[in-house]
Each structure stands twice: as C-alpha cells, then as structure tokens.
C-alpha cells in the first residue's frame, strides 16, 4: 500500500466561504456556507486546486496510506457527476425564470 496525497481542511481556520466547494471539480469537499468544511478522503485525488483558492490558507496536502488503483475511476465518475449537477442547476434556473416571466406577461 502506498501513500497518496489528499487535501485536508483545518476546521479551526475555515470560515465556511464555500469557495473550495465551488472550485473542486471532483465533489470531494463537503460543507455549507458559514460552517466549516471537510474533505471526503475517498473522493479527493489531491489535485491542489482548492489550496490556491482558499482565502484563509486552511487547506493543506497530507499523505494517507491507501491503494491508488481505484482512484482514477472514482475521480472520473465524480467529475462527470458534478458536471451533470451543474448543467441541471442551470436548466432549473432558466426554467424558473421562464415560468416567472410567463406569470408576469
């Protein structure tokens, strides 16, 4: 078993801004606005994107001992899942605006 990198959020310094959640393309960060966030270790590939965006520098990279063989498939799945969720959110938003306009007009 080898070590693999993952993001780790120091919850004492997390302000709950949700920037890391928005930039994570793998849906590996869990949390709600104004509450501290956590990283789902099984979903995080250690890409470091969240580290550069964090305004409080509370995200660090740690190495955990875990087999890397399955991570590629999981990352691909999570990336596609997030992409679909973002597309569906946009569709729902546009549908909501159309319905509101129909009611007004």
N, C-alpha and C. Protein backbone atom coordinates (compact mmCIF):
# COMPACT_ATOMS: atom_id res chain seq x y z
N UNK A 1 0.84 -1.17 0.00
CA UNK A 1 0.00 0.00 0.00
C UNK A 1 0.89 1.24 0.00
N UNK A 2 0.60 2.17 -0.88
CA UNK A 2 1.40 3.38 -0.99
C UNK A 2 0.64 4.58 -0.45
N UNK A 3 1.36 5.65 -0.22
CA UNK A 3 0.73 6.88 0.26
C UNK A 3 0.25 7.68 -0.94
N UNK A 4 -0.90 8.32 -0.78
CA UNK A 4 -1.39 9.20 -1.82
C UNK A 4 -1.80 10.53 -1.19
N UNK A 5 -1.64 11.62 -1.94
CA UNK A 5 -1.97 12.94 -1.39
C UNK A 5 -3.47 13.20 -1.40
N UNK A 6 -3.92 13.89 -0.36
CA UNK A 6 -5.31 14.35 -0.28
C UNK A 6 -5.30 15.74 0.36
N UNK A 7 -6.33 16.50 0.11
CA UNK A 7 -6.47 17.80 0.76
C UNK A 7 -7.01 17.60 2.17
N UNK A 8 -6.56 18.44 3.08
CA UNK A 8 -7.03 18.39 4.46
C UNK A 8 -7.39 19.81 4.88
N UNK A 9 -8.57 20.01 5.42
CA UNK A 9 -9.01 21.34 5.85
C UNK A 9 -8.91 21.44 7.37
N UNK A 10 -8.16 22.43 7.83
CA UNK A 10 -8.07 22.72 9.26
C UNK A 10 -9.35 23.46 9.65
N UNK A 11 -10.26 22.78 10.30
CA UNK A 11 -11.58 23.33 10.57
C UNK A 11 -11.56 24.54 11.50
N UNK A 12 -10.51 24.69 12.28
CA UNK A 12 -10.42 25.85 13.18
C UNK A 12 -10.28 27.15 12.38
N UNK A 13 -9.66 27.08 11.22
CA UNK A 13 -9.42 28.28 10.42
C UNK A 13 -10.38 28.43 9.26
N UNK A 14 -11.24 27.45 9.04
CA UNK A 14 -12.19 27.51 7.92
C UNK A 14 -13.32 28.48 8.27
N UNK A 15 -13.59 29.42 7.35
CA UNK A 15 -14.64 30.41 7.59
C UNK A 15 -15.96 30.05 6.90
N UNK A 16 -15.98 28.94 6.17
CA UNK A 16 -17.21 28.49 5.52
C UNK A 16 -17.61 29.31 4.31
N UNK A 17 -16.62 29.77 3.56
CA UNK A 17 -16.91 30.64 2.41
C UNK A 17 -17.40 29.86 1.19
N UNK A 18 -17.25 28.58 1.13
CA UNK A 18 -17.65 27.66 0.05
C UNK A 18 -16.88 27.84 -1.26
N UNK A 19 -15.82 28.62 -1.25
CA UNK A 19 -15.02 28.78 -2.46
C UNK A 19 -14.40 27.44 -2.86
N UNK A 20 -13.90 26.70 -1.89
CA UNK A 20 -13.28 25.40 -2.18
C UNK A 20 -14.29 24.42 -2.76
N UNK A 21 -15.51 24.46 -2.27
CA UNK A 21 -16.56 23.56 -2.79
C UNK A 21 -16.85 23.91 -4.25
N UNK A 22 -16.91 25.19 -4.55
CA UNK A 22 -17.22 25.63 -5.91
C UNK A 22 -16.12 25.28 -6.90
N UNK A 23 -14.86 25.32 -6.45
CA UNK A 23 -13.76 25.06 -7.40
C UNK A 23 -13.38 23.59 -7.50
N UNK A 24 -13.80 22.77 -6.57
CA UNK A 24 -13.43 21.35 -6.59
C UNK A 24 -14.18 20.63 -7.72
N UNK A 25 -13.46 20.18 -8.75
CA UNK A 25 -14.15 19.51 -9.85
C UNK A 25 -14.52 18.06 -9.55
N UNK A 26 -14.18 17.58 -8.36
CA UNK A 26 -14.40 16.17 -8.03
C UNK A 26 -15.43 15.97 -6.93
N UNK A 27 -16.09 17.04 -6.48
CA UNK A 27 -17.07 16.95 -5.38
C UNK A 27 -16.49 16.29 -4.14
N UNK A 28 -15.28 16.61 -3.81
CA UNK A 28 -14.61 15.97 -2.67
C UNK A 28 -14.75 16.77 -1.39
N UNK A 29 -15.28 18.00 -1.46
CA UNK A 29 -15.39 18.84 -0.27
C UNK A 29 -16.84 18.96 0.13
N UNK A 30 -17.08 18.79 1.43
CA UNK A 30 -18.42 18.76 1.97
C UNK A 30 -18.57 19.91 2.96
N UNK A 31 -19.71 20.58 2.93
CA UNK A 31 -19.95 21.64 3.90
C UNK A 31 -21.02 22.58 3.42
N UNK A 32 -21.37 23.52 4.29
CA UNK A 32 -22.38 24.52 3.96
C UNK A 32 -21.81 25.90 4.27
N UNK A 33 -22.41 26.90 3.64
CA UNK A 33 -21.92 28.25 3.82
C UNK A 33 -21.97 28.63 5.29
N UNK A 34 -20.92 29.30 5.75
CA UNK A 34 -20.75 29.78 7.13
C UNK A 34 -20.50 28.66 8.14
N UNK A 35 -20.26 27.46 7.67
CA UNK A 35 -19.88 26.35 8.53
C UNK A 35 -18.57 25.78 8.01
N UNK A 36 -17.79 25.17 8.88
CA UNK A 36 -16.52 24.63 8.43
C UNK A 36 -16.74 23.44 7.49
N UNK A 37 -15.80 23.24 6.61
CA UNK A 37 -15.91 22.22 5.58
C UNK A 37 -14.98 21.04 5.89
N UNK A 38 -15.23 19.95 5.22
CA UNK A 38 -14.40 18.75 5.35
C UNK A 38 -14.15 18.17 3.97
N UNK A 39 -13.07 17.40 3.89
CA UNK A 39 -12.74 16.74 2.63
C UNK A 39 -13.10 15.27 2.75
N UNK A 40 -13.80 14.76 1.76
CA UNK A 40 -14.09 13.34 1.69
C UNK A 40 -12.84 12.67 1.12
N UNK A 41 -12.06 12.02 1.96
CA UNK A 41 -10.77 11.46 1.59
C UNK A 41 -10.87 10.47 0.44
N UNK A 42 -11.98 9.76 0.37
CA UNK A 42 -12.12 8.74 -0.68
C UNK A 42 -12.37 9.35 -2.05
N UNK A 43 -12.81 10.60 -2.09
CA UNK A 43 -13.12 11.26 -3.35
C UNK A 43 -12.00 12.19 -3.82
N UNK A 44 -11.14 12.61 -2.92
CA UNK A 44 -10.12 13.62 -3.24
C UNK A 44 -8.90 12.99 -3.91
N UNK A 45 -8.54 13.48 -5.12
CA UNK A 45 -7.35 12.97 -5.78
C UNK A 45 -6.09 13.74 -5.44
N UNK A 46 -6.22 14.81 -4.63
CA UNK A 46 -5.05 15.60 -4.27
C UNK A 46 -4.59 16.54 -5.36
N UNK A 47 -5.51 17.10 -6.11
CA UNK A 47 -5.16 17.95 -7.27
C UNK A 47 -4.65 19.33 -6.87
N UNK A 48 -4.91 19.78 -5.66
CA UNK A 48 -4.44 21.05 -5.08
C UNK A 48 -5.15 22.28 -5.62
N UNK A 49 -6.21 22.13 -6.37
CA UNK A 49 -6.94 23.30 -6.88
C UNK A 49 -7.52 24.11 -5.73
N UNK A 50 -8.07 23.45 -4.74
CA UNK A 50 -8.70 24.15 -3.63
C UNK A 50 -7.70 24.95 -2.79
N UNK A 51 -6.46 24.48 -2.72
CA UNK A 51 -5.45 25.16 -1.91
C UNK A 51 -5.19 26.57 -2.42
N UNK A 52 -5.09 26.72 -3.73
CA UNK A 52 -4.78 28.03 -4.30
C UNK A 52 -5.94 29.02 -4.16
N UNK A 53 -7.16 28.53 -4.00
CA UNK A 53 -8.33 29.41 -3.93
C UNK A 53 -8.74 29.77 -2.50
N UNK A 54 -8.26 29.04 -1.52
CA UNK A 54 -8.68 29.25 -0.13
C UNK A 54 -8.16 30.60 0.40
N UNK A 55 -9.07 31.48 0.85
CA UNK A 55 -8.64 32.79 1.34
C UNK A 55 -7.99 32.76 2.72
N UNK A 56 -8.19 31.68 3.47
CA UNK A 56 -7.62 31.62 4.82
C UNK A 56 -6.46 30.64 4.93
N UNK A 57 -6.05 30.06 3.83
CA UNK A 57 -4.93 29.09 3.82
C UNK A 57 -5.12 27.96 4.84
N UNK A 58 -6.36 27.48 4.96
CA UNK A 58 -6.61 26.41 5.92
C UNK A 58 -6.56 25.03 5.29
N UNK A 59 -6.28 24.96 3.98
CA UNK A 59 -6.22 23.66 3.29
C UNK A 59 -4.77 23.29 3.04
N UNK A 60 -4.42 22.11 3.45
CA UNK A 60 -3.05 21.59 3.27
C UNK A 60 -3.15 20.23 2.59
N UNK A 61 -2.03 19.77 2.06
CA UNK A 61 -1.97 18.43 1.48
C UNK A 61 -1.36 17.49 2.51
N UNK A 62 -2.01 16.36 2.71
CA UNK A 62 -1.49 15.30 3.58
C UNK A 62 -1.42 14.02 2.78
N UNK A 63 -0.56 13.15 3.19
CA UNK A 63 -0.46 11.84 2.56
C UNK A 63 -1.13 10.80 3.44
N UNK A 64 -1.97 9.98 2.82
CA UNK A 64 -2.61 8.89 3.55
C UNK A 64 -2.20 7.58 2.90
N UNK A 65 -2.21 6.55 3.69
CA UNK A 65 -1.86 5.23 3.16
C UNK A 65 -3.12 4.58 2.62
N UNK A 66 -3.16 4.48 1.32
CA UNK A 66 -4.32 3.88 0.66
C UNK A 66 -3.90 3.44 -0.73
N UNK A 67 -4.52 2.40 -1.19
CA UNK A 67 -4.24 1.89 -2.52
C UNK A 67 -4.74 2.89 -3.57
N UNK A 68 -3.92 3.19 -4.57
CA UNK A 68 -4.27 4.17 -5.60
C UNK A 68 -5.01 3.56 -6.79
N UNK A 69 -5.11 2.26 -6.87
CA UNK A 69 -5.59 1.59 -8.08
C UNK A 69 -7.00 2.01 -8.49
N UNK A 70 -7.88 2.28 -7.53
CA UNK A 70 -9.27 2.59 -7.85
C UNK A 70 -9.54 4.08 -8.01
N UNK A 71 -8.60 4.93 -7.67
CA UNK A 71 -8.86 6.36 -7.61
C UNK A 71 -9.18 6.96 -8.98
N UNK A 72 -8.57 6.45 -10.03
CA UNK A 72 -8.79 7.01 -11.37
C UNK A 72 -10.26 6.91 -11.78
N UNK A 73 -10.85 5.75 -11.59
CA UNK A 73 -12.26 5.56 -11.94
C UNK A 73 -13.18 6.42 -11.08
N UNK A 74 -12.86 6.52 -9.79
CA UNK A 74 -13.69 7.30 -8.88
C UNK A 74 -13.64 8.78 -9.23
N UNK A 75 -12.45 9.27 -9.55
CA UNK A 75 -12.29 10.68 -9.92
C UNK A 75 -13.07 10.99 -11.19
N UNK A 76 -12.99 10.12 -12.16
CA UNK A 76 -13.72 10.31 -13.42
C UNK A 76 -15.23 10.34 -13.17
N UNK A 77 -15.71 9.43 -12.34
CA UNK A 77 -17.13 9.36 -12.00
C UNK A 77 -17.58 10.65 -11.30
N UNK A 78 -16.80 11.11 -10.31
CA UNK A 78 -17.17 12.31 -9.57
C UNK A 78 -17.15 13.54 -10.45
N UNK A 79 -16.18 13.62 -11.36
CA UNK A 79 -16.10 14.75 -12.26
C UNK A 79 -17.34 14.82 -13.15
N UNK A 80 -17.74 13.69 -13.70
CA UNK A 80 -18.94 13.64 -14.55
C UNK A 80 -20.20 13.94 -13.75
N UNK A 81 -20.27 13.45 -12.52
CA UNK A 81 -21.43 13.69 -11.66
C UNK A 81 -21.58 15.19 -11.38
N UNK A 82 -20.48 15.86 -11.08
CA UNK A 82 -20.52 17.29 -10.81
C UNK A 82 -20.93 18.06 -12.06
N UNK A 83 -20.40 17.67 -13.21
CA UNK A 83 -20.72 18.33 -14.47
C UNK A 83 -22.23 18.26 -14.74
N UNK A 84 -22.82 17.10 -14.54
CA UNK A 84 -24.26 16.93 -14.74
C UNK A 84 -25.07 17.77 -13.76
N UNK A 85 -24.63 17.82 -12.50
CA UNK A 85 -25.34 18.59 -11.49
C UNK A 85 -25.33 20.08 -11.84
N UNK A 86 -24.18 20.59 -12.29
CA UNK A 86 -24.08 22.00 -12.67
C UNK A 86 -24.98 22.29 -13.86
N UNK A 87 -25.00 21.42 -14.86
CA UNK A 87 -25.87 21.60 -16.02
C UNK A 87 -27.34 21.60 -15.62
N UNK A 88 -27.72 20.67 -14.74
CA UNK A 88 -29.11 20.59 -14.29
C UNK A 88 -29.51 21.82 -13.48
N UNK A 89 -28.59 22.34 -12.70
CA UNK A 89 -28.87 23.55 -11.93
C UNK A 89 -29.13 24.72 -12.87
N UNK A 90 -28.34 24.84 -13.92
CA UNK A 90 -28.55 25.90 -14.90
C UNK A 90 -29.90 25.76 -15.59
N UNK A 91 -30.27 24.52 -15.96
CA UNK A 91 -31.56 24.28 -16.61
C UNK A 91 -32.71 24.65 -15.68
N UNK A 92 -32.62 24.24 -14.42
CA UNK A 92 -33.68 24.56 -13.46
C UNK A 92 -33.81 26.06 -13.27
N UNK A 93 -32.68 26.75 -13.24
CA UNK A 93 -32.68 28.21 -13.08
C UNK A 93 -33.37 28.88 -14.27
N UNK A 94 -33.00 28.44 -15.48
CA UNK A 94 -33.61 29.02 -16.68
C UNK A 94 -35.10 28.72 -16.75
N UNK A 95 -35.48 27.49 -16.39
CA UNK A 95 -36.90 27.13 -16.37
C UNK A 95 -37.67 27.98 -15.36
N UNK A 96 -37.06 28.24 -14.23
CA UNK A 96 -37.70 29.05 -13.21
C UNK A 96 -37.92 30.48 -13.69
N UNK A 97 -36.93 31.03 -14.38
CA UNK A 97 -37.06 32.37 -14.92
C UNK A 97 -38.15 32.42 -15.98
N UNK A 98 -38.19 31.42 -16.86
CA UNK A 98 -39.23 31.37 -17.90
C UNK A 98 -40.62 31.29 -17.27
N UNK A 99 -40.77 30.46 -16.24
CA UNK A 99 -42.09 30.34 -15.59
C UNK A 99 -42.50 31.65 -14.93
N UNK A 100 -41.55 32.34 -14.33
CA UNK A 100 -41.88 33.63 -13.70
C UNK A 100 -42.26 34.67 -14.74
N UNK A 101 -41.57 34.65 -15.88
CA UNK A 101 -41.90 35.59 -16.95
C UNK A 101 -43.29 35.31 -17.53
N UNK A 102 -43.63 34.04 -17.67
CA UNK A 102 -44.96 33.67 -18.17
C UNK A 102 -46.07 34.18 -17.25
N UNK A 103 -45.82 34.12 -15.95
CA UNK A 103 -46.81 34.59 -14.99
C UNK A 103 -46.99 36.11 -15.06
N UNK A 104 -45.89 36.79 -15.34
CA UNK A 104 -45.94 38.27 -15.40
C UNK A 104 -46.59 38.74 -16.68
N UNK A 105 -46.25 38.06 -17.78
CA UNK A 105 -46.73 38.50 -19.10
C UNK A 105 -48.08 37.95 -19.39
